[in-house]
Amino acid sequence: MARRALAQMRRFAFTEALQRALTRRSAAALVGAAVWLAVRCAAADPACPPVVAPPTAEEARAAVQTARDRGALWTIEKDARRSWLYGTIHVGNLEMAALGPKVRAALTAAQVLAIEVDVTSAATVRAFSAPPPPDAPAVPPALVERMKALAAKACVPWEPLSSRPPMIIASALTILESRRDGLDPAFATEFVLSGFARAKGMPVVALESVETQRRAMIGPPAADQFRALEGAISAIEQDRVRPTARALAKAWSDGDLATLASYEQWCGCAGSPEAKAYLDHLVFARNEGLAAAVDRLHGEGRSVFAATGILHMVGDAGLPRRLEKLGYTVERVAFDAPPAADRDRR
């Protein structure tokens, strides 16, 4: 009876945390408060992408009660102490946001939550919204006009976006594109994890500095950056972003690391040398630093739940393999197979 009561108390706590985490502030942290406010104000326009509302207490409770484990989770052990790695996704829906029982158990057992950057911090939002340096080359006017057109189509005001570095503008427009398929940045895993951690009183720490991630998003030198920017704009214009996001969400939900490891072959985002260089710069080149940060936190004597985007976890350069090379015993946590309806969903 005591064990059942404890489980019910934990489920209630996670329900409360889920409801608090999934607020409009979450999406504002990704795309900027002014942008997100205008996005929500445009919700009545039938031509605009749908805007999700925060879940009610009943909806959050139902999501927690029926949640299954998604993504991929590993235990990592070194110096007779256990920590965890978890692969996240930066868009989702309520069903995807509700953490399954094994992920919840790991998060409950950990003493520190470590995420790439604290996406709920006002300082983080300000840093990502900051303009490029004064000596940055001007974006070709044709590319500016194409981004303005995409912002209008997405019902996003151009003015708050316009002062940001061009690749950060393109990233915001890209992540907002999936709203038409019910995949919303307000349901990013990082917001849910942060909400749960703070409800528990667990410290939330960053694996990277905001400047490191901002540099990764801004991209390579100007000439290559503008070619990568043109590719990102074209992907949205040609409706190649949404199919990729749907495939990524399904692979993440199913914990399908084989499909995720071949991401470059099907994402449509690495078709040119410039695009591949930008993908490497944005994702894979950061793995060494992320692994070192996880190792440093674990070495401080506390159990860490370290969560990064799922693409940081795949392949020989992914975090599980890198931590093995740093002396960790790494073992993937087996999840129950997804229901047949989910496996067959495309």
C-alpha atoms as a PDB file:
ATOM      1  CA  MET A   1       0.000   0.000   0.000  1.00  0.00           C
ATOM      2  CA  ALA A   2       2.790   2.424   0.911  1.00  0.00           C
ATOM      3  CA  ARG A   3       4.490   1.812  -2.430  1.00  0.00           C
ATOM      4  CA  ARG A   4       1.239   2.396  -4.309  1.00  0.00           C
ATOM      5  CA  ALA A   5       0.592   5.614  -2.374  1.00  0.00           C
ATOM      6  CA  LEU A   6       4.089   6.848  -3.133  1.00  0.00           C
ATOM      7  CA  ALA A   7       3.615   6.110  -6.846  1.00  0.00           C
ATOM      8  CA  GLN A   8       0.343   8.022  -6.841  1.00  0.00           C
ATOM      9  CA  MET A   9       1.970  10.986  -5.093  1.00  0.00           C
ATOM     10  CA  ARG A  10       4.787  11.033  -7.640  1.00  0.00           C
ATOM     11  CA  ARG A  11       2.325  10.814 -10.527  1.00  0.00           C
ATOM     12  CA  PHE A  12       0.400  13.759  -9.098  1.00  0.00           C
ATOM     13  CA  ALA A  13       3.611  15.752  -8.708  1.00  0.00           C
ATOM     14  CA  PHE A  14       4.569  15.036 -12.308  1.00  0.00           C
ATOM     15  CA  THR A  15       1.065  16.015 -13.459  1.00  0.00           C
ATOM     16  CA  GLU A  16       1.340  19.352 -11.687  1.00  0.00           C
ATOM     17  CA  ALA A  17       4.828  19.943 -13.056  1.00  0.00           C
ATOM     18  CA  LEU A  18       3.771  19.040 -16.589  1.00  0.00           C
ATOM     19  CA  GLN A  19       0.904  21.500 -16.512  1.00  0.00           C
ATOM     20  CA  ARG A  20       3.141  24.294 -15.206  1.00  0.00           C
ATOM     21  CA  ALA A  21       5.928  23.517 -17.665  1.00  0.00           C
ATOM     22  CA  LEU A  22       3.757  23.637 -20.770  1.00  0.00           C
ATOM     23  CA  THR A  23       2.838  27.308 -20.777  1.00  0.00           C
ATOM     24  CA  ARG A  24       3.155  29.935 -23.446  1.00  0.00           C
ATOM     25  CA  ARG A  25       6.406  31.017 -21.751  1.00  0.00           C
ATOM     26  CA  SER A  26       7.975  27.800 -23.027  1.00  0.00           C
ATOM     27  CA  ALA A  27       7.605  28.626 -26.694  1.00  0.00           C
ATOM     28  CA  ALA A  28       8.490  32.257 -25.993  1.00  0.00           C
ATOM     29  CA  ALA A  29      11.838  31.054 -24.708  1.00  0.00           C
ATOM     30  CA  LEU A  30      12.572  29.423 -28.053  1.00  0.00           C
ATOM     31  CA  VAL A  31      11.413  32.102 -30.451  1.00  0.00           C
ATOM     32  CA  GLY A  32      11.297  35.234 -28.303  1.00  0.00           C
ATOM     33  CA  ALA A  33       8.484  36.675 -26.214  1.00  0.00           C
ATOM     34  CA  ALA A  34       7.465  39.365 -28.688  1.00  0.00           C
ATOM     35  CA  VAL A  35       7.354  36.904 -31.568  1.00  0.00           C
ATOM     36  CA  TRP A  36       5.380  34.320 -29.607  1.00  0.00           C
ATOM     37  CA  LEU A  37       2.850  36.884 -28.385  1.00  0.00           C
ATOM     38  CA  ALA A  38       2.162  37.915 -31.969  1.00  0.00           C
ATOM     39  CA  VAL A  39       1.950  34.269 -33.045  1.00  0.00           C
ATOM     40  CA  ARG A  40      -0.723  33.652 -30.428  1.00  0.00           C
ATOM     41  CA  CYS A  41      -2.600  36.806 -31.376  1.00  0.00           C
ATOM     42  CA  ALA A  42      -2.789  35.547 -34.974  1.00  0.00           C
ATOM     43  CA  ALA A  43      -4.423  32.288 -33.887  1.00  0.00           C
ATOM     44  CA  ALA A  44      -7.888  33.403 -34.970  1.00  0.00           C
ATOM     45  CA  ASP A  45      -6.768  33.687 -38.588  1.00  0.00           C
ATOM     46  CA  PRO A  46      -7.641  30.375 -40.299  1.00  0.00           C
ATOM     47  CA  ALA A  47      -4.670  30.812 -42.651  1.00  0.00           C
ATOM     48  CA  CYS A  48      -2.271  30.766 -39.695  1.00  0.00           C
ATOM     49  CA  PRO A  49      -0.805  27.607 -38.184  1.00  0.00           C
ATOM     50  CA  PRO A  50      -2.757  26.356 -35.147  1.00  0.00           C
ATOM     51  CA  VAL A  51      -1.634  27.588 -31.745  1.00  0.00           C
ATOM     52  CA  VAL A  52      -1.802  25.161 -28.850  1.00  0.00           C
ATOM     53  CA  ALA A  53      -3.148  26.080 -25.440  1.00  0.00           C
ATOM     54  CA  PRO A  54      -1.518  24.919 -22.212  1.00  0.00           C
ATOM     55  CA  PRO A  55      -3.116  21.665 -21.044  1.00  0.00           C
ATOM     56  CA  THR A  56      -5.793  21.697 -18.383  1.00  0.00           C
ATOM     57  CA  ALA A  57      -5.215  19.772 -15.162  1.00  0.00           C
ATOM     58  CA  GLU A  58      -7.404  16.965 -16.513  1.00  0.00           C
ATOM     59  CA  GLU A  59      -5.513  16.804 -19.806  1.00  0.00           C
ATOM     60  CA  ALA A  60      -2.146  16.781 -18.033  1.00  0.00           C
ATOM     61  CA  ARG A  61      -3.333  14.053 -15.652  1.00  0.00           C
ATOM     62  CA  ALA A  62      -4.542  11.867 -18.503  1.00  0.00           C
ATOM     63  CA  ALA A  63      -1.281  12.375 -20.405  1.00  0.00           C
ATOM     64  CA  VAL A  64       0.827  11.341 -17.407  1.00  0.00           C
ATOM     65  CA  GLN A  65      -1.350   8.302 -16.651  1.00  0.00           C
ATOM     66  CA  THR A  66      -1.094   6.950 -20.215  1.00  0.00           C
ATOM     67  CA  ALA A  67       2.461   8.081 -20.989  1.00  0.00           C
ATOM     68  CA  ARG A  68       4.910   5.649 -22.499  1.00  0.00           C
ATOM     69  CA  ASP A  69       8.676   6.021 -22.602  1.00  0.00           C
ATOM     70  CA  ARG A  70       9.937   7.780 -25.706  1.00  0.00           C
ATOM     71  CA  GLY A  71      13.320   8.892 -26.964  1.00  0.00           C
ATOM     72  CA  ALA A  72      16.352   7.022 -25.675  1.00  0.00           C
ATOM     73  CA  LEU A  73      17.786   6.705 -22.166  1.00  0.00           C
ATOM     74  CA  TRP A  74      21.140   5.361 -21.013  1.00  0.00           C
ATOM     75  CA  THR A  75      22.661   4.682 -17.632  1.00  0.00           C
ATOM     76  CA  ILE A  76      26.274   5.781 -17.327  1.00  0.00           C
ATOM     77  CA  GLU A  77      28.392   4.562 -14.422  1.00  0.00           C
ATOM     78  CA  LYS A  78      31.822   5.605 -13.223  1.00  0.00           C
ATOM     79  CA  ASP A  79      33.473   5.780  -9.807  1.00  0.00           C
ATOM     80  CA  ALA A  80      30.685   3.603  -8.321  1.00  0.00           C
ATOM     81  CA  ARG A  81      28.060   6.236  -9.163  1.00  0.00           C
ATOM     82  CA  ARG A  82      25.242   6.209 -11.699  1.00  0.00           C
ATOM     83  CA  SER A  83      24.042   9.038 -13.929  1.00  0.00           C
ATOM     84  CA  TRP A  84      21.814   9.116 -17.014  1.00  0.00           C
ATOM     85  CA  LEU A  85      21.832  10.343 -20.597  1.00  0.00           C
ATOM     86  CA  TYR A  86      18.561  11.174 -22.333  1.00  0.00           C
ATOM     87  CA  GLY A  87      17.930  12.195 -25.941  1.00  0.00           C
ATOM     88  CA  THR A  88      15.336  14.954 -26.331  1.00  0.00           C
ATOM     89  CA  ILE A  89      13.369  16.582 -29.143  1.00  0.00           C
ATOM     90  CA  HIS A  90      12.759  20.305 -29.576  1.00  0.00           C
ATOM     91  CA  VAL A  91       9.128  20.137 -30.748  1.00  0.00           C
ATOM     92  CA  GLY A  92       6.242  17.899 -29.814  1.00  0.00           C
ATOM     93  CA  ASN A  93       2.708  17.586 -28.539  1.00  0.00           C
ATOM     94  CA  LEU A  94       1.139  16.746 -25.193  1.00  0.00           C
ATOM     95  CA  GLU A  95       1.372  12.991 -25.809  1.00  0.00           C
ATOM     96  CA  MET A  96       5.094  13.268 -26.595  1.00  0.00           C
ATOM     97  CA  ALA A  97       5.770  15.660 -23.717  1.00  0.00           C
ATOM     98  CA  ALA A  98       4.465  13.381 -20.962  1.00  0.00           C
ATOM     99  CA  LEU A  99       7.470  11.416 -19.710  1.00  0.00           C
ATOM    100  CA  GLY A 100       7.139   7.655 -19.442  1.00  0.00           C
ATOM    101  CA  PRO A 101       7.691   5.679 -16.230  1.00  0.00           C
ATOM    102  CA  LYS A 102      11.349   4.741 -16.757  1.00  0.00           C
ATOM    103  CA  VAL A 103      12.331   8.278 -17.705  1.00  0.00           C
ATOM    104  CA  ARG A 104      10.406   9.657 -14.726  1.00  0.00           C
ATOM    105  CA  ALA A 105      12.112   7.162 -12.406  1.00  0.00           C
ATOM    106  CA  ALA A 106      15.552   8.174 -13.658  1.00  0.00           C
ATOM    107  CA  LEU A 107      14.762  11.870 -13.310  1.00  0.00           C
ATOM    108  CA  THR A 108      13.454  11.276  -9.785  1.00  0.00           C
ATOM    109  CA  ALA A 109      16.614   9.386  -8.816  1.00  0.00           C
ATOM    110  CA  ALA A 110      18.997  12.030 -10.167  1.00  0.00           C
ATOM    111  CA  GLN A 111      20.317  14.947  -8.129  1.00  0.00           C
ATOM    112  CA  VAL A 112      21.030  17.383 -10.979  1.00  0.00           C
ATOM    113  CA  LEU A 113      19.349  18.067 -14.321  1.00  0.00           C
ATOM    114  CA  ALA A 114      21.834  19.095 -17.005  1.00  0.00           C
ATOM    115  CA  ILE A 115      20.498  20.450 -20.311  1.00  0.00           C
ATOM    116  CA  GLU A 116      22.245  22.111 -23.234  1.00  0.00           C
ATOM    117  CA  VAL A 117      21.292  25.626 -22.085  1.00  0.00           C
ATOM    118  CA  ASP A 118      18.610  26.833 -19.680  1.00  0.00           C
ATOM    119  CA  VAL A 119      15.902  27.650 -22.198  1.00  0.00           C
ATOM    120  CA  THR A 120      13.646  29.048 -19.474  1.00  0.00           C
ATOM    121  CA  SER A 121      16.142  31.729 -18.452  1.00  0.00           C
ATOM    122  CA  ALA A 122      15.470  35.345 -19.431  1.00  0.00           C
ATOM    123  CA  ALA A 123      19.213  35.805 -19.940  1.00  0.00           C
ATOM    124  CA  THR A 124      19.226  32.950 -22.461  1.00  0.00           C
ATOM    125  CA  VAL A 125      16.327  34.484 -24.377  1.00  0.00           C
ATOM    126  CA  ARG A 126      18.078  37.884 -24.468  1.00  0.00           C
ATOM    127  CA  ALA A 127      21.309  36.310 -25.703  1.00  0.00           C
ATOM    128  CA  PHE A 128      19.613  34.483 -28.578  1.00  0.00           C
ATOM    129  CA  SER A 129      17.665  37.630 -29.488  1.00  0.00           C
ATOM    130  CA  ALA A 130      20.771  39.832 -29.601  1.00  0.00           C
ATOM    131  CA  PRO A 131      21.717  41.315 -32.983  1.00  0.00           C
ATOM    132  CA  PRO A 132      24.801  40.194 -34.916  1.00  0.00           C
ATOM    133  CA  PRO A 133      28.063  42.083 -34.292  1.00  0.00           C
ATOM    134  CA  PRO A 134      28.417  45.459 -36.028  1.00  0.00           C
ATOM    135  CA  ASP A 135      31.055  44.137 -38.432  1.00  0.00           C
ATOM    136  CA  ALA A 136      28.859  41.234 -39.634  1.00  0.00           C
ATOM    137  CA  PRO A 137      28.323  41.321 -43.406  1.00  0.00           C
ATOM    138  CA  ALA A 138      24.927  42.416 -44.628  1.00  0.00           C
ATOM    139  CA  VAL A 139      22.529  39.693 -45.680  1.00  0.00           C
ATOM    140  CA  PRO A 140      21.771  39.834 -49.412  1.00  0.00           C
ATOM    141  CA  PRO A 141      18.467  41.717 -49.866  1.00  0.00           C
ATOM    142  CA  ALA A 142      16.928  38.852 -51.838  1.00  0.00           C
ATOM    143  CA  LEU A 143      17.397  36.504 -48.893  1.00  0.00           C
ATOM    144  CA  VAL A 144      15.925  39.075 -46.515  1.00  0.00           C
ATOM    145  CA  GLU A 145      12.820  39.398 -48.683  1.00  0.00           C
ATOM    146  CA  ARG A 146      12.389  35.631 -48.803  1.00  0.00           C
ATOM    147  CA  MET A 147      12.636  35.396 -45.000  1.00  0.00           C
ATOM    148  CA  LYS A 148      10.099  38.207 -44.638  1.00  0.00           C
ATOM    149  CA  ALA A 149       7.714  36.320 -46.908  1.00  0.00           C
ATOM    150  CA  LEU A 150       8.131  33.141 -44.870  1.00  0.00           C
ATOM    151  CA  ALA A 151       7.525  35.056 -41.643  1.00  0.00           C
ATOM    152  CA  ALA A 152       4.305  36.477 -43.087  1.00  0.00           C
ATOM    153  CA  LYS A 153       3.159  33.017 -44.165  1.00  0.00           C
ATOM    154  CA  ALA A 154       3.879  31.721 -40.644  1.00  0.00           C
ATOM    155  CA  CYS A 155       1.956  34.666 -39.128  1.00  0.00           C
ATOM    156  CA  VAL A 156       5.116  35.818 -37.362  1.00  0.00           C
ATOM    157  CA  PRO A 157       5.847  39.571 -37.224  1.00  0.00           C
ATOM    158  CA  TRP A 158       9.039  40.475 -39.030  1.00  0.00           C
ATOM    159  CA  GLU A 159      10.134  43.354 -36.822  1.00  0.00           C
ATOM    160  CA  PRO A 160      11.084  41.344 -33.693  1.00  0.00           C
ATOM    161  CA  LEU A 161      12.905  38.805 -35.856  1.00  0.00           C
ATOM    162  CA  SER A 162      14.701  41.204 -38.157  1.00  0.00           C
ATOM    163  CA  SER A 163      17.438  42.289 -35.767  1.00  0.00           C
ATOM    164  CA  ARG A 164      18.685  38.746 -35.087  1.00  0.00           C
ATOM    165  CA  PRO A 165      21.512  36.942 -36.886  1.00  0.00           C
ATOM    166  CA  PRO A 166      20.163  35.455 -40.122  1.00  0.00           C
ATOM    167  CA  MET A 167      20.670  31.787 -39.217  1.00  0.00           C
ATOM    168  CA  ILE A 168      18.849  32.306 -35.921  1.00  0.00           C
ATOM    169  CA  ILE A 169      15.946  33.833 -37.859  1.00  0.00           C
ATOM    170  CA  ALA A 170      15.952  30.817 -40.175  1.00  0.00           C
ATOM    171  CA  SER A 171      16.084  28.449 -37.199  1.00  0.00           C
ATOM    172  CA  ALA A 172      13.068  30.139 -35.592  1.00  0.00           C
ATOM    173  CA  LEU A 173      11.081  29.951 -38.842  1.00  0.00           C
ATOM    174  CA  THR A 174      12.096  26.320 -39.299  1.00  0.00           C
ATOM    175  CA  ILE A 175      11.028  25.215 -35.847  1.00  0.00           C
ATOM    176  CA  LEU A 176       7.715  27.066 -36.136  1.00  0.00           C
ATOM    177  CA  GLU A 177       6.942  25.383 -39.464  1.00  0.00           C
ATOM    178  CA  SER A 178       5.988  22.106 -37.765  1.00  0.00           C
ATOM    179  CA  ARG A 179       3.046  23.722 -35.970  1.00  0.00           C
ATOM    180  CA  ARG A 180       0.960  22.865 -39.034  1.00  0.00           C
ATOM    181  CA  ASP A 181       1.507  19.191 -38.175  1.00  0.00           C
ATOM    182  CA  GLY A 182       0.744  19.565 -34.465  1.00  0.00           C
ATOM    183  CA  LEU A 183       4.422  19.613 -33.462  1.00  0.00           C
ATOM    184  CA  ASP A 184       4.876  22.723 -31.373  1.00  0.00           C
ATOM    185  CA  PRO A 185       7.993  24.212 -29.732  1.00  0.00           C
ATOM    186  CA  ALA A 186       5.955  24.786 -26.561  1.00  0.00           C
ATOM    187  CA  PHE A 187       6.171  20.996 -26.016  1.00  0.00           C
ATOM    188  CA  ALA A 188       9.968  20.740 -26.336  1.00  0.00           C
ATOM    189  CA  THR A 189      11.324  18.098 -23.949  1.00  0.00           C
ATOM    190  CA  GLU A 190      13.680  20.583 -22.284  1.00  0.00           C
ATOM    191  CA  PHE A 191      10.763  22.619 -20.947  1.00  0.00           C
ATOM    192  CA  VAL A 192       9.116  19.541 -19.478  1.00  0.00           C
ATOM    193  CA  LEU A 193      12.329  18.312 -17.845  1.00  0.00           C
ATOM    194  CA  SER A 194      13.061  21.765 -16.421  1.00  0.00           C
ATOM    195  CA  GLY A 195       9.535  22.040 -15.030  1.00  0.00           C
ATOM    196  CA  PHE A 196       9.786  18.653 -13.337  1.00  0.00           C
ATOM    197  CA  ALA A 197      13.227  19.432 -11.921  1.00  0.00           C
ATOM    198  CA  ARG A 198      12.194  22.762 -10.493  1.00  0.00           C
ATOM    199  CA  ALA A 199       9.034  21.251  -8.975  1.00  0.00           C
ATOM    200  CA  LYS A 200      11.300  18.751  -7.232  1.00  0.00           C
ATOM    201  CA  GLY A 201      13.785  21.429  -6.142  1.00  0.00           C
ATOM    202  CA  MET A 202      16.506  19.871  -8.296  1.00  0.00           C
ATOM    203  CA  PRO A 203      19.270  22.153  -9.617  1.00  0.00           C
ATOM    204  CA  VAL A 204      19.149  22.818 -13.366  1.00  0.00           C
ATOM    205  CA  VAL A 205      22.554  23.450 -14.927  1.00  0.00           C
ATOM    206  CA  ALA A 206      23.746  24.143 -18.469  1.00  0.00           C
ATOM    207  CA  LEU A 207      26.121  21.861 -20.346  1.00  0.00           C
ATOM    208  CA  GLU A 208      27.131  24.720 -22.651  1.00  0.00           C
ATOM    209  CA  SER A 209      27.392  28.469 -22.447  1.00  0.00           C
ATOM    210  CA  VAL A 210      24.768  30.453 -24.308  1.00  0.00           C
ATOM    211  CA  GLU A 211      27.540  31.944 -26.416  1.00  0.00           C
ATOM    212  CA  THR A 212      28.721  28.479 -27.493  1.00  0.00           C
ATOM    213  CA  GLN A 213      25.246  27.538 -28.681  1.00  0.00           C
ATOM    214  CA  ARG A 214      24.681  30.920 -30.284  1.00  0.00           C
ATOM    215  CA  ARG A 215      27.931  30.551 -32.256  1.00  0.00           C
ATOM    216  CA  ALA A 216      26.825  27.082 -33.350  1.00  0.00           C
ATOM    217  CA  MET A 217      23.497  28.440 -34.602  1.00  0.00           C
ATOM    218  CA  ILE A 218      25.009  31.459 -36.341  1.00  0.00           C
ATOM    219  CA  GLY A 219      27.137  29.133 -38.350  1.00  0.00           C
ATOM    220  CA  PRO A 220      30.300  29.223 -40.455  1.00  0.00           C
ATOM    221  CA  PRO A 221      32.000  32.241 -42.121  1.00  0.00           C
ATOM    222  CA  ALA A 222      29.797  34.648 -44.035  1.00  0.00           C
ATOM    223  CA  ALA A 223      30.147  33.267 -47.572  1.00  0.00           C
ATOM    224  CA  ASP A 224      29.364  29.702 -46.500  1.00  0.00           C
ATOM    225  CA  GLN A 225      26.756  30.932 -44.027  1.00  0.00           C
ATOM    226  CA  PHE A 226      24.741  32.681 -46.713  1.00  0.00           C
ATOM    227  CA  ARG A 227      24.761  29.533 -48.840  1.00  0.00           C
ATOM    228  CA  ALA A 228      23.554  27.564 -45.801  1.00  0.00           C
ATOM    229  CA  LEU A 229      20.938  30.255 -45.190  1.00  0.00           C
ATOM    230  CA  GLU A 230      19.702  29.967 -48.764  1.00  0.00           C
ATOM    231  CA  GLY A 231      19.392  26.210 -48.248  1.00  0.00           C
ATOM    232  CA  ALA A 232      17.398  26.643 -45.030  1.00  0.00           C
ATOM    233  CA  ILE A 233      15.050  29.139 -46.692  1.00  0.00           C
ATOM    234  CA  SER A 234      14.579  26.882 -49.721  1.00  0.00           C
ATOM    235  CA  ALA A 235      13.740  23.911 -47.468  1.00  0.00           C
ATOM    236  CA  ILE A 236      10.850  25.855 -45.916  1.00  0.00           C
ATOM    237  CA  GLU A 237       9.683  27.262 -49.262  1.00  0.00           C
ATOM    238  CA  GLN A 238       9.665  23.819 -50.861  1.00  0.00           C
ATOM    239  CA  ASP A 239       7.874  22.187 -47.895  1.00  0.00           C
ATOM    240  CA  ARG A 240      10.799  19.912 -47.079  1.00  0.00           C
ATOM    241  CA  VAL A 241      10.933  20.865 -43.386  1.00  0.00           C
ATOM    242  CA  ARG A 242       7.624  19.340 -42.322  1.00  0.00           C
ATOM    243  CA  PRO A 243       8.186  15.791 -43.688  1.00  0.00           C
ATOM    244  CA  THR A 244      11.638  15.755 -42.076  1.00  0.00           C
ATOM    245  CA  ALA A 245      10.253  16.937 -38.740  1.00  0.00           C
ATOM    246  CA  ARG A 246       7.512  14.302 -38.840  1.00  0.00           C
ATOM    247  CA  ALA A 247      10.051  11.560 -39.584  1.00  0.00           C
ATOM    248  CA  LEU A 248      12.355  12.829 -36.833  1.00  0.00           C
ATOM    249  CA  ALA A 249       9.485  12.929 -34.330  1.00  0.00           C
ATOM    250  CA  LYS A 250       8.469   9.359 -35.172  1.00  0.00           C
ATOM    251  CA  ALA A 251      12.049   8.063 -34.932  1.00  0.00           C
ATOM    252  CA  TRP A 252      12.459   9.851 -31.599  1.00  0.00           C
ATOM    253  CA  SER A 253       9.143   8.528 -30.260  1.00  0.00           C
ATOM    254  CA  ASP A 254      10.117   4.980 -31.228  1.00  0.00           C
ATOM    255  CA  GLY A 255      13.693   5.270 -29.968  1.00  0.00           C
ATOM    256  CA  ASP A 256      14.801   4.300 -33.474  1.00  0.00           C
ATOM    257  CA  LEU A 257      18.508   5.100 -33.257  1.00  0.00           C
ATOM    258  CA  ALA A 258      19.307   3.380 -36.570  1.00  0.00           C
ATOM    259  CA  THR A 259      17.045   5.785 -38.455  1.00  0.00           C
ATOM    260  CA  LEU A 260      18.376   8.730 -36.462  1.00  0.00           C
ATOM    261  CA  ALA A 261      21.979   7.729 -37.175  1.00  0.00           C
ATOM    262  CA  SER A 262      21.259   7.962 -40.911  1.00  0.00           C
ATOM    263  CA  TYR A 263      19.679  11.417 -40.514  1.00  0.00           C
ATOM    264  CA  GLU A 264      21.989  13.060 -43.059  1.00  0.00           C
ATOM    265  CA  GLN A 265      20.799  10.619 -45.726  1.00  0.00           C
ATOM    266  CA  TRP A 266      17.091  11.465 -45.453  1.00  0.00           C
ATOM    267  CA  CYS A 267      16.811  14.899 -43.815  1.00  0.00           C
ATOM    268  CA  GLY A 268      17.361  16.861 -47.027  1.00  0.00           C
ATOM    269  CA  CYS A 269      19.546  19.178 -44.949  1.00  0.00           C
ATOM    270  CA  ALA A 270      23.001  18.001 -46.032  1.00  0.00           C
ATOM    271  CA  GLY A 271      22.695  17.990 -49.818  1.00  0.00           C
ATOM    272  CA  SER A 272      25.523  20.447 -50.441  1.00  0.00           C
ATOM    273  CA  PRO A 273      28.993  20.836 -48.902  1.00  0.00           C
ATOM    274  CA  GLU A 274      27.855  24.070 -47.237  1.00  0.00           C
ATOM    275  CA  ALA A 275      24.719  22.498 -45.788  1.00  0.00           C
ATOM    276  CA  LYS A 276      26.620  19.466 -44.501  1.00  0.00           C
ATOM    277  CA  ALA A 277      29.265  21.723 -42.964  1.00  0.00           C
ATOM    278  CA  TYR A 278      26.556  23.707 -41.199  1.00  0.00           C
ATOM    279  CA  LEU A 279      24.888  20.546 -39.849  1.00  0.00           C
ATOM    280  CA  ASP A 280      28.247  19.309 -38.557  1.00  0.00           C
ATOM    281  CA  HIS A 281      28.914  22.723 -37.012  1.00  0.00           C
ATOM    282  CA  LEU A 282      25.443  22.915 -35.450  1.00  0.00           C
ATOM    283  CA  VAL A 283      25.235  19.386 -34.029  1.00  0.00           C
ATOM    284  CA  PHE A 284      28.136  16.989 -34.216  1.00  0.00           C
ATOM    285  CA  ALA A 285      31.052  19.344 -33.561  1.00  0.00           C
ATOM    286  CA  ARG A 286      29.600  20.133 -30.131  1.00  0.00           C
ATOM    287  CA  ASN A 287      29.597  16.550 -28.886  1.00  0.00           C
ATOM    288  CA  GLU A 288      33.119  16.561 -27.455  1.00  0.00           C
ATOM    289  CA  GLY A 289      32.354  19.601 -25.310  1.00  0.00           C
ATOM    290  CA  LEU A 290      28.999  18.194 -24.203  1.00  0.00           C
ATOM    291  CA  ALA A 291      30.585  14.885 -23.162  1.00  0.00           C
ATOM    292  CA  ALA A 292      33.285  16.726 -21.205  1.00  0.00           C
ATOM    293  CA  ALA A 293      30.624  18.763 -19.399  1.00  0.00           C
ATOM    294  CA  VAL A 294      28.674  15.618 -18.427  1.00  0.00           C
ATOM    295  CA  ASP A 295      31.906  14.022 -17.181  1.00  0.00           C
ATOM    296  CA  ARG A 296      32.756  17.115 -15.137  1.00  0.00           C
ATOM    297  CA  LEU A 297      29.340  17.238 -13.463  1.00  0.00           C
ATOM    298  CA  HIS A 298      29.359  13.507 -12.708  1.00  0.00           C
ATOM    299  CA  GLY A 299      32.853  13.896 -11.273  1.00  0.00           C
ATOM    300  CA  GLU A 300      31.585  16.446  -8.766  1.00  0.00           C
ATOM    301  CA  GLY A 301      29.948  13.599  -6.855  1.00  0.00           C
ATOM    302  CA  ARG A 302      26.275  13.934  -7.789  1.00  0.00           C
ATOM    303  CA  SER A 303      24.047  11.793  -9.992  1.00  0.00           C
ATOM    304  CA  VAL A 304      23.253  13.698 -13.182  1.00  0.00           C
ATOM    305  CA  PHE A 305      20.320  13.424 -15.587  1.00  0.00           C
ATOM    306  CA  ALA A 306      21.960  14.853 -18.717  1.00  0.00           C
ATOM    307  CA  ALA A 307      19.600  15.649 -21.593  1.00  0.00           C
ATOM    308  CA  THR A 308      20.519  16.848 -25.072  1.00  0.00           C
ATOM    309  CA  GLY A 309      18.952  16.693 -28.507  1.00  0.00           C
ATOM    310  CA  ILE A 310      18.686  13.092 -29.683  1.00  0.00           C
ATOM    311  CA  LEU A 311      21.037  13.649 -32.641  1.00  0.00           C
ATOM    312  CA  HIS A 312      23.874  14.245 -30.165  1.00  0.00           C
ATOM    313  CA  MET A 313      23.435  10.644 -29.029  1.00  0.00           C
ATOM    314  CA  VAL A 314      23.892   8.727 -32.284  1.00  0.00           C
ATOM    315  CA  GLY A 315      26.899   7.253 -34.048  1.00  0.00           C
ATOM    316  CA  ASP A 316      30.509   6.744 -33.023  1.00  0.00           C
ATOM    317  CA  ALA A 317      30.845  10.449 -32.188  1.00  0.00           C
ATOM    318  CA  GLY A 318      27.667  10.492 -30.068  1.00  0.00           C
ATOM    319  CA  LEU A 319      27.685  11.062 -26.329  1.00  0.00           C
ATOM    320  CA  PRO A 320      27.253   7.394 -25.289  1.00  0.00           C
ATOM    321  CA  ARG A 321      30.358   6.350 -27.263  1.00  0.00           C
ATOM    322  CA  ARG A 322      32.345   9.394 -26.124  1.00  0.00           C
ATOM    323  CA  LEU A 323      31.572   8.688 -22.485  1.00  0.00           C
ATOM    324  CA  GLU A 324      32.605   5.063 -22.925  1.00  0.00           C
ATOM    325  CA  LYS A 325      35.982   6.393 -24.067  1.00  0.00           C
ATOM    326  CA  LEU A 326      36.098   8.497 -20.893  1.00  0.00           C
ATOM    327  CA  GLY A 327      35.840   5.352 -18.772  1.00  0.00           C
ATOM    328  CA  TYR A 328      32.093   5.035 -18.248  1.00  0.00           C
ATOM    329  CA  THR A 329      30.059   1.868 -18.378  1.00  0.00           C
ATOM    330  CA  VAL A 330      27.197   2.837 -20.668  1.00  0.00           C
ATOM    331  CA  GLU A 331      24.027   0.798 -21.042  1.00  0.00           C
ATOM    332  CA  ARG A 332      20.863   1.708 -22.886  1.00  0.00           C
ATOM    333  CA  VAL A 333      17.658   1.375 -20.862  1.00  0.00           C
ATOM    334  CA  ALA A 334      15.178  -0.885 -22.646  1.00  0.00           C
ATOM    335  CA  PHE A 335      11.740   0.647 -23.222  1.00  0.00           C
ATOM    336  CA  ASP A 336       8.553  -1.240 -23.937  1.00  0.00           C
ATOM    337  CA  ALA A 337       7.820  -1.539 -27.649  1.00  0.00           C
ATOM    338  CA  PRO A 338       5.490   1.193 -28.932  1.00  0.00           C
ATOM    339  CA  PRO A 339       1.879   0.136 -29.532  1.00  0.00           C
ATOM    340  CA  ALA A 340       1.111  -1.189 -32.996  1.00  0.00           C
ATOM    341  CA  ALA A 341      -0.902   1.931 -33.853  1.00  0.00           C
ATOM    342  CA  ASP A 342       2.119   4.087 -33.106  1.00  0.00           C
ATOM    343  CA  ARG A 343       4.523   1.832 -34.999  1.00  0.00           C
ATOM    344  CA  ASP A 344       2.361   1.996 -38.101  1.00  0.00           C
ATOM    345  CA  ARG A 345       1.825   5.755 -37.951  1.00  0.00           C
ATOM    346  CA  ARG A 346       3.586   7.745 -40.644  1.00  0.00           C
END
